[in-house]
Protein backbone atom coordinates (compact mmCIF):
# COMPACT_ATOMS: atom_id res chain seq x y z
CA UNK A 1 27.95 7.66 24.37
CA UNK A 2 25.12 8.58 21.98
CA UNK A 3 23.36 5.65 20.33
CA UNK A 4 20.18 4.43 18.66
CA UNK A 5 18.37 1.26 19.70
CA UNK A 6 15.34 -0.62 18.40
CA UNK A 7 12.37 -0.31 20.77
CA UNK A 8 9.29 -2.27 19.76
CA UNK A 9 8.09 -0.96 16.40
CA UNK A 10 10.17 2.22 16.68
CA UNK A 11 13.67 3.51 17.45
CA UNK A 12 15.05 5.35 20.47
CA UNK A 13 17.95 7.80 20.73
CA UNK A 14 19.96 7.70 23.95
CA UNK A 15 22.64 10.25 24.95
CA UNK A 16 23.84 12.50 27.79
CA UNK A 17 23.49 16.29 27.47
CA UNK A 18 26.31 18.70 28.54
CA UNK A 19 24.96 18.81 32.14
CA UNK A 20 25.23 15.03 32.47
CA UNK A 21 21.49 14.42 32.23
CA UNK A 22 20.52 11.28 30.29
CA UNK A 23 18.12 11.99 27.43
CA UNK A 24 16.04 9.35 25.62
CA UNK A 25 13.46 9.98 22.90
CA UNK A 26 11.55 7.63 20.57
CA UNK A 27 10.82 7.90 16.83
CA UNK A 28 8.74 5.80 14.46
CA UNK A 29 11.37 5.75 11.70
CA UNK A 30 15.08 5.01 12.00
CA UNK A 31 16.07 7.81 9.61
CA UNK A 32 14.25 10.38 11.79
CA UNK A 33 16.06 9.08 14.88
CA UNK A 34 19.43 9.26 13.12
CA UNK A 35 18.79 12.80 11.88
CA UNK A 36 17.74 14.10 15.30
CA UNK A 37 20.61 12.43 17.13
CA UNK A 38 23.08 13.81 14.59
CA UNK A 39 21.73 17.34 15.08
CA UNK A 40 21.92 17.12 18.88
CA UNK A 41 25.43 15.66 18.88
CA UNK A 42 26.51 18.49 16.55
CA UNK A 43 25.04 21.13 18.88
CA UNK A 44 26.87 19.59 21.81
CA UNK A 45 30.16 19.59 19.87
CA UNK A 46 29.68 23.27 18.92
CA UNK A 47 28.71 24.11 22.52
CA UNK A 48 25.37 25.47 21.36
CA UNK A 49 23.13 22.80 22.90
CA UNK A 50 21.98 24.94 25.82
CA UNK A 51 21.99 28.27 23.98
CA UNK A 52 19.23 30.60 25.04
CA UNK A 53 18.17 33.44 22.75
CA UNK A 54 19.66 36.65 24.06
CA UNK A 55 17.69 39.86 24.20
CA UNK A 56 18.69 42.23 21.41
CA UNK A 57 19.97 45.56 22.72
CA UNK A 58 21.46 47.12 19.56
CA UNK A 59 19.79 50.34 18.42
CA UNK A 60 19.18 51.17 14.77
CA UNK A 61 21.49 54.17 15.14
CA UNK A 62 24.22 51.92 16.56
CA UNK A 63 23.86 49.52 13.62
CA UNK A 64 24.09 52.38 11.10
CA UNK A 65 27.22 53.74 12.81
CA UNK A 66 28.85 50.31 12.57
CA UNK A 67 27.81 50.03 8.94
CA UNK A 68 29.30 53.45 8.15
CA UNK A 69 32.53 52.50 9.90
CA UNK A 70 32.92 49.43 7.69
CA UNK A 71 31.66 50.71 4.34
CA UNK A 72 32.37 54.46 4.15
CA UNK A 73 35.32 53.71 1.87
CA UNK A 74 33.07 52.38 -0.91
CA UNK A 75 32.85 54.35 -4.16
CA UNK A 76 29.05 54.42 -3.90
CA UNK A 77 28.93 55.38 -0.21
CA UNK A 78 28.01 59.00 -0.93
CA UNK A 79 24.66 57.76 -2.26
CA UNK A 80 24.32 55.26 0.61
CA UNK A 81 24.84 58.11 3.07
CA UNK A 82 21.74 59.85 1.67
CA UNK A 83 19.75 56.63 2.12
CA UNK A 84 20.98 56.21 5.70
CA UNK A 85 19.76 59.70 6.59
CA UNK A 86 16.28 58.76 5.36
CA UNK A 87 16.41 55.45 7.27
CA UNK A 88 17.24 57.30 10.50
CA UNK A 89 14.39 59.76 10.04
CA UNK A 90 11.84 57.02 9.29
CA UNK A 91 12.75 54.23 11.74
CA UNK A 92 14.36 56.30 14.52
CA UNK A 93 17.90 56.00 15.84
CA UNK A 94 16.84 54.75 19.28
CA UNK A 95 14.69 51.90 17.92
CA UNK A 96 15.92 48.42 18.90
CA UNK A 97 16.65 46.66 15.60
CA UNK A 98 14.87 43.49 16.73
CA UNK A 99 11.66 45.54 16.97
CA UNK A 100 11.69 46.48 13.27
CA UNK A 101 9.27 44.04 11.61
CA UNK A 102 8.60 42.98 8.05
CA UNK A 103 5.44 45.10 8.00
CA UNK A 104 7.55 48.17 8.88
CA UNK A 105 9.77 47.50 5.87
CA UNK A 106 6.74 47.06 3.62
CA UNK A 107 5.29 50.34 4.90
CA UNK A 108 8.60 52.07 4.13
CA UNK A 109 8.57 50.62 0.60
CA UNK A 110 5.05 51.98 0.07
CA UNK A 111 6.16 55.34 1.49
CA UNK A 112 8.94 55.48 -1.12
CA UNK A 113 6.42 54.79 -3.90
CA UNK A 114 4.57 57.97 -2.90
CA UNK A 115 7.71 60.04 -2.35
CA UNK A 116 8.11 63.17 -4.49
CA UNK A 117 11.57 64.00 -5.84
CA UNK A 118 13.14 67.45 -6.15
CA UNK A 119 11.79 67.63 -9.69
CA UNK A 120 8.22 67.02 -8.48
CA UNK A 121 8.15 63.48 -9.88
CA UNK A 122 7.36 60.16 -8.21
CA UNK A 123 10.33 57.94 -7.41
CA UNK A 124 11.20 55.46 -10.14
CA UNK A 125 10.98 51.73 -9.48
CA UNK A 126 14.74 51.41 -9.96
CA UNK A 127 15.41 54.13 -7.36
CA UNK A 128 13.11 52.40 -4.85
CA UNK A 129 14.80 49.04 -5.40
CA UNK A 130 18.29 50.46 -4.92
CA UNK A 131 17.28 52.03 -1.60
CA UNK A 132 15.63 48.80 -0.41
CA UNK A 133 18.73 46.86 -1.45
CA UNK A 134 20.84 49.17 0.73
CA UNK A 135 18.53 48.61 3.73
CA UNK A 136 18.54 44.84 3.07
CA UNK A 137 22.35 44.83 3.12
CA UNK A 138 22.41 46.72 6.43
CA UNK A 139 20.19 44.12 8.14
CA UNK A 140 22.13 41.24 6.52
CA UNK A 141 25.34 42.62 8.06
CA UNK A 142 23.57 42.94 11.44
CA UNK A 143 22.93 39.18 11.34
CA UNK A 144 26.54 38.46 10.28
CA UNK A 145 27.82 40.69 13.07
CA UNK A 146 25.61 38.76 15.56
CA UNK A 147 23.62 41.86 16.50
CA UNK A 148 20.35 40.05 15.71
CA UNK A 149 19.29 36.48 14.92
CA UNK A 150 17.25 37.05 11.79
CA UNK A 151 16.74 39.86 9.31
CA UNK A 152 13.17 41.21 9.07
CA UNK A 153 13.53 40.95 5.28
CA UNK A 154 13.60 37.13 5.64
CA UNK A 155 10.13 37.01 7.21
CA UNK A 156 8.15 37.71 4.03
CA UNK A 157 8.24 37.90 0.26
CA UNK A 158 10.64 40.12 -1.64
CA UNK A 159 9.85 43.82 -1.33
CA UNK A 160 11.51 44.77 -4.62
CA UNK A 161 9.26 46.49 -7.15
CA UNK A 162 9.05 44.94 -10.59
CA UNK A 163 10.97 47.28 -12.87
CA UNK A 164 9.99 48.11 -16.41
CA UNK A 165 13.17 47.73 -18.46
CA UNK A 166 11.36 47.90 -21.77
CA UNK A 167 12.62 51.43 -22.51
CA UNK A 168 15.05 51.35 -25.42
CA UNK A 169 15.61 54.90 -26.65
CA UNK A 170 18.38 55.34 -29.19
CA UNK A 171 19.39 58.03 -31.65
CA UNK A 172 19.19 57.84 -35.41
CA UNK A 173 22.28 58.86 -37.39
CA UNK A 174 20.66 62.19 -38.18
CA UNK A 175 19.95 62.83 -34.47
CA UNK A 176 23.54 61.92 -33.60
CA UNK A 177 24.84 64.60 -35.98
CA UNK A 178 22.50 67.21 -34.47
CA UNK A 179 23.60 66.33 -30.94
CA UNK A 180 27.30 66.50 -31.78
CA UNK A 181 26.83 69.85 -33.49
CA UNK A 182 24.98 71.26 -30.47
CA UNK A 183 27.62 70.10 -27.94
CA UNK A 184 30.68 72.02 -26.70
CA UNK A 185 34.02 70.41 -27.53
CA UNK A 186 34.66 68.67 -24.20
CA UNK A 187 31.16 67.16 -24.19
CA UNK A 188 31.40 66.22 -27.89
CA UNK A 189 34.53 64.19 -27.17
CA UNK A 190 32.78 62.33 -24.36
CA UNK A 191 29.73 61.61 -26.55
CA UNK A 192 31.89 60.29 -29.40
CA UNK A 193 33.58 57.92 -26.95
CA UNK A 194 30.22 56.75 -25.56
CA UNK A 195 28.77 56.10 -29.03
CA UNK A 196 31.84 54.20 -30.22
CA UNK A 197 32.32 52.02 -27.13
CA UNK A 198 29.02 51.77 -25.25
CA UNK A 199 30.89 52.67 -22.06
CA UNK A 200 29.05 54.06 -19.04
CA UNK A 201 29.45 57.73 -18.10
CA UNK A 202 31.55 57.04 -15.01
CA UNK A 203 33.85 54.75 -16.98
CA UNK A 204 34.44 57.49 -19.54
CA UNK A 205 34.97 60.40 -17.15
CA UNK A 206 37.44 58.38 -15.05
CA UNK A 207 39.31 56.99 -18.06
CA UNK A 208 43.10 57.46 -17.90
CA UNK A 209 45.71 57.27 -20.63
CA UNK A 210 47.34 54.32 -18.88
CA UNK A 211 44.19 52.31 -19.67
CA UNK A 212 44.46 53.02 -23.42
CA UNK A 213 46.94 50.75 -25.20
CA UNK A 214 47.29 48.15 -27.94
CA UNK A 215 44.01 49.13 -29.59
CA UNK A 216 41.93 48.50 -26.46
CA UNK A 217 40.54 50.36 -23.46
CA UNK A 218 41.21 48.34 -20.31
CA UNK A 219 38.52 48.94 -17.67
CA UNK A 220 39.27 47.81 -14.13
CA UNK A 221 36.48 49.36 -12.07
CA UNK A 222 33.11 48.55 -13.62
CA UNK A 223 29.51 48.32 -12.43
CA UNK A 224 29.70 44.52 -12.34
CA UNK A 225 33.11 44.61 -10.59
CA UNK A 226 34.54 42.56 -13.44
CA UNK A 227 37.30 44.04 -15.65
CA UNK A 228 36.70 44.15 -19.39
CA UNK A 229 38.51 45.21 -22.54
CA UNK A 230 36.76 47.47 -25.05
CA UNK A 231 38.18 47.52 -28.60
CA UNK A 232 38.96 50.96 -30.08
CA UNK A 233 37.51 51.62 -33.55
CA UNK A 234 39.23 53.86 -36.11
CA UNK A 235 36.96 56.83 -35.36
CA UNK A 236 37.75 56.77 -31.65
CA UNK A 237 41.45 56.13 -32.30
CA UNK A 238 41.63 59.33 -34.36
CA UNK A 239 39.85 61.30 -31.64
CA UNK A 240 42.14 60.01 -28.89
CA UNK A 241 45.19 60.85 -30.98
CA UNK A 242 43.90 64.41 -31.51
CA UNK A 243 43.11 64.87 -27.80
CA UNK A 244 46.56 63.68 -26.73
CA UNK A 245 48.26 65.99 -29.19
CA UNK A 246 46.43 69.04 -27.77
CA UNK A 247 46.58 68.04 -24.12
CA UNK A 248 49.43 69.15 -21.92
CA UNK A 249 50.74 66.59 -19.40
CA UNK A 250 49.63 67.04 -15.81
CA UNK A 251 51.58 65.48 -12.96
CA UNK A 252 49.67 62.87 -10.97
CA UNK A 253 46.62 63.04 -13.25
CA UNK A 254 46.44 61.47 -16.69
CA UNK A 255 42.70 61.73 -17.33
CA UNK A 256 41.79 61.45 -21.00
CA UNK A 257 38.76 63.73 -21.00
CA UNK A 258 39.17 67.24 -19.58
CA UNK A 259 37.91 70.72 -20.27
CA UNK A 260 39.53 74.15 -20.19
CA UNK A 261 38.14 77.04 -18.20
CA UNK A 262 38.90 80.69 -18.93
CA UNK A 263 38.52 83.81 -16.85
CA UNK A 264 36.23 86.64 -18.04
CA UNK A 265 38.00 89.13 -20.36
CA UNK A 266 39.76 92.00 -18.62
CA UNK A 267 41.34 95.26 -19.77
CA UNK A 268 44.91 96.32 -19.15
CA UNK A 269 44.86 99.50 -17.14
CA UNK A 270 47.89 100.88 -18.95
CA UNK A 271 46.75 100.44 -22.56
CA UNK A 272 43.02 99.64 -22.30
CA UNK A 273 43.65 96.45 -24.32
CA UNK A 274 41.18 93.60 -23.76
CA UNK A 275 42.87 90.34 -22.83
CA UNK A 276 41.63 86.85 -21.91
CA UNK A 277 43.61 85.00 -19.25
CA UNK A 278 43.64 81.21 -19.16
CA UNK A 279 42.31 79.79 -15.89
CA UNK A 280 44.08 76.47 -16.31
CA UNK A 281 45.63 75.68 -19.66
CA UNK A 282 46.26 72.01 -18.77
CA UNK A 283 42.54 71.26 -18.46
CA UNK A 284 40.33 70.27 -15.55
CA UNK A 285 38.66 66.98 -14.69
CA UNK A 286 35.06 66.71 -15.93
CA UNK A 287 33.13 65.94 -12.76
CA UNK A 288 29.77 65.51 -14.51
CA UNK A 289 28.06 66.25 -17.81
CA UNK A 290 24.48 66.55 -16.57
CA UNK A 291 23.93 70.26 -17.17
CA UNK A 292 25.92 70.50 -20.41
CA UNK A 293 24.27 67.38 -21.83
CA UNK A 294 20.77 68.57 -20.98
CA UNK A 295 21.45 71.89 -22.75
CA UNK A 296 22.90 70.16 -25.82
CA UNK A 297 19.91 67.79 -26.10
CA UNK A 298 17.51 70.71 -25.88
CA UNK A 299 19.48 72.75 -28.42
CA UNK A 300 19.50 69.78 -30.82
CA UNK A 301 15.71 69.45 -30.55
CA UNK A 302 15.92 65.87 -29.21
CA UNK A 303 13.23 64.73 -26.78
CA UNK A 304 13.19 62.06 -24.08
CA UNK A 305 16.90 61.30 -24.14
CA UNK A 306 19.36 60.72 -21.28
CA UNK A 307 23.11 60.25 -21.25
CA UNK A 308 22.78 56.52 -20.51
CA UNK A 309 20.75 56.21 -23.72
CA UNK A 310 24.02 56.77 -25.62
CA UNK A 311 24.94 53.28 -24.41
CA UNK A 312 21.65 51.97 -25.87
CA UNK A 313 22.42 53.83 -29.08
CA UNK A 314 25.83 52.16 -29.43
CA UNK A 315 24.36 48.70 -28.79
CA UNK A 316 21.41 49.26 -31.14
CA UNK A 317 23.57 50.35 -34.06
CA UNK A 318 25.97 47.46 -33.44
CA UNK A 319 23.10 44.98 -33.69
CA UNK A 320 21.58 46.68 -36.75
CA UNK A 321 24.98 46.61 -38.44
CA UNK A 322 25.13 42.84 -38.00
CA UNK A 323 27.07 42.34 -34.74
CA UNK A 324 26.09 39.23 -32.78
CA UNK A 325 24.35 39.57 -29.41
CA UNK A 326 27.30 37.78 -27.79
CA UNK A 327 29.68 40.43 -29.16
CA UNK A 328 27.41 43.19 -27.83
CA UNK A 329 27.25 41.52 -24.42
CA UNK A 330 31.03 41.39 -24.14
CA UNK A 331 31.61 44.95 -25.41
CA UNK A 332 29.01 46.48 -23.09
CA UNK A 333 29.97 44.25 -20.15
CA UNK A 334 26.53 42.81 -19.43
CA UNK A 335 26.87 40.12 -16.77
CA UNK A 336 24.05 38.05 -18.28
CA UNK A 337 22.57 37.76 -21.75
CA UNK A 338 19.17 38.88 -20.39
CA UNK A 339 20.10 42.56 -20.63
CA UNK A 340 21.51 42.16 -24.12
CA UNK A 341 18.39 40.38 -25.40
CA UNK A 342 16.55 43.72 -25.33
CA UNK A 343 18.27 44.45 -28.64
CA UNK A 344 17.33 41.12 -30.24
CA UNK A 345 14.27 42.54 -32.03
CA UNK A 346 16.52 45.01 -33.85
CA UNK A 347 18.51 42.07 -35.18
CA UNK A 348 15.29 40.43 -36.43
CA UNK A 349 14.20 43.60 -38.22
CA UNK A 350 17.62 43.83 -39.83
CA UNK A 351 17.29 40.23 -41.05
CA UNK A 352 13.84 40.92 -42.52
CA UNK A 353 15.26 43.80 -44.56
CA UNK A 354 18.24 41.71 -45.62
CA UNK A 355 16.12 38.79 -46.84
CA UNK A 356 14.22 41.11 -49.18
CA UNK A 357 17.42 41.29 -51.22
CA UNK A 358 16.45 37.80 -52.45
CA UNK A 359 13.29 39.09 -54.15
CA UNK A 360 13.30 38.04 -57.78
CA UNK A 361 15.83 35.26 -57.24
CA UNK A 362 13.30 32.52 -58.13
CA UNK A 363 11.44 34.45 -60.85
CA UNK A 364 11.36 32.84 -64.32
CA UNK A 365 9.45 33.24 -67.57
CA UNK A 366 5.73 32.49 -67.31
CA UNK A 367 5.37 33.41 -63.64
CA UNK A 368 4.31 36.75 -62.22
CA UNK A 369 7.01 38.85 -60.58
CA UNK A 370 4.82 38.67 -57.44
CA UNK A 371 5.22 34.89 -57.24
CA UNK A 372 7.40 35.17 -54.14
CA UNK A 373 4.48 36.82 -52.35
CA UNK A 374 2.10 33.89 -52.95
CA UNK A 375 1.31 31.23 -50.39
CA UNK A 376 0.28 27.92 -52.02
CA UNK A 377 -2.49 25.79 -50.57
CA UNK A 378 -1.17 22.33 -49.52
CA UNK A 379 -3.86 20.64 -51.65
CA UNK A 380 -2.35 22.22 -54.75
CA UNK A 381 -5.71 23.56 -55.94
CA UNK A 382 -5.01 27.27 -55.64
CA UNK A 383 -2.69 29.90 -54.32
CA UNK A 384 -3.58 32.79 -52.06
CA UNK A 385 -1.73 36.02 -52.76
CA UNK A 386 -0.75 38.00 -49.66
């Protein structure tokens, strides 16, 4: 039986290990003896007392295959698959995972910072962090799956690059009109939805009619994995009504935003008449808006603007119109207020303009109309005009 006894000025633990060997060890303080005995008794109960670290035999390629087997069903796995190909090329499929050290991860991070994209640009900090997060998750699962004892990421400081989230590009009302005018109909509908809801591109393109009801858009699959309800304003309600009136039902697919394709004009051999045949008069799913949006932005003469900036535009105009930051957070689906606080300065500017409406409120006969611009010295001797 395990016990603690007083021995001189100290304390001694006394117990038998799983092999039957009697073990005794002394400590200066009773609390240290109790803590150590508790730990050893726990290890014996869990049958881990005599555990010896096993040699790791799992290869990096084997780990990646197991990871693919378990996570290939994820919505974002297509992007993860690209990352995994780069991991294989850099670390090697035959490398034993226990041999990959923290310094190897740091070297890979620095390699990414010098990597050139297809557009001849350096990788962004956000792109680097997402790839490192994927690699971090792979090693975390290796530990959970008992392929290794400790992740190399846990042996040093965080490798994430500090991102600059200060960018806050949004359109003025005049720029919004130019962009809408320069956009084809299917893209214009998507942009109107983005500007009136602040929804992300994927949320809009995957939106179905079954999610639109009772004056709200009900989003189930979001970036934060938390469902949210987005209220529908009058402008968007009118657009959705118009789209539904024009759209023909399609079995098994009730996507809200579609586009129609047409075949090139052809001539009837019998009469020589030019005709245009519809490719699909029920409309096709919009897989992406990248090319069409880039062309529309260029045609509208707008610089430095991405589709995601439509979300910033919606939030910015909400704040400038007087919406509270809490309202903006809930409409956009920010998990924390930190992201929403980027728009706080717009609220302050709006308040400064609003308070100027009070100019002249305290003016009375005998005082200059500029009295509200004077700062009085506390001594009462004189006033300094700003």
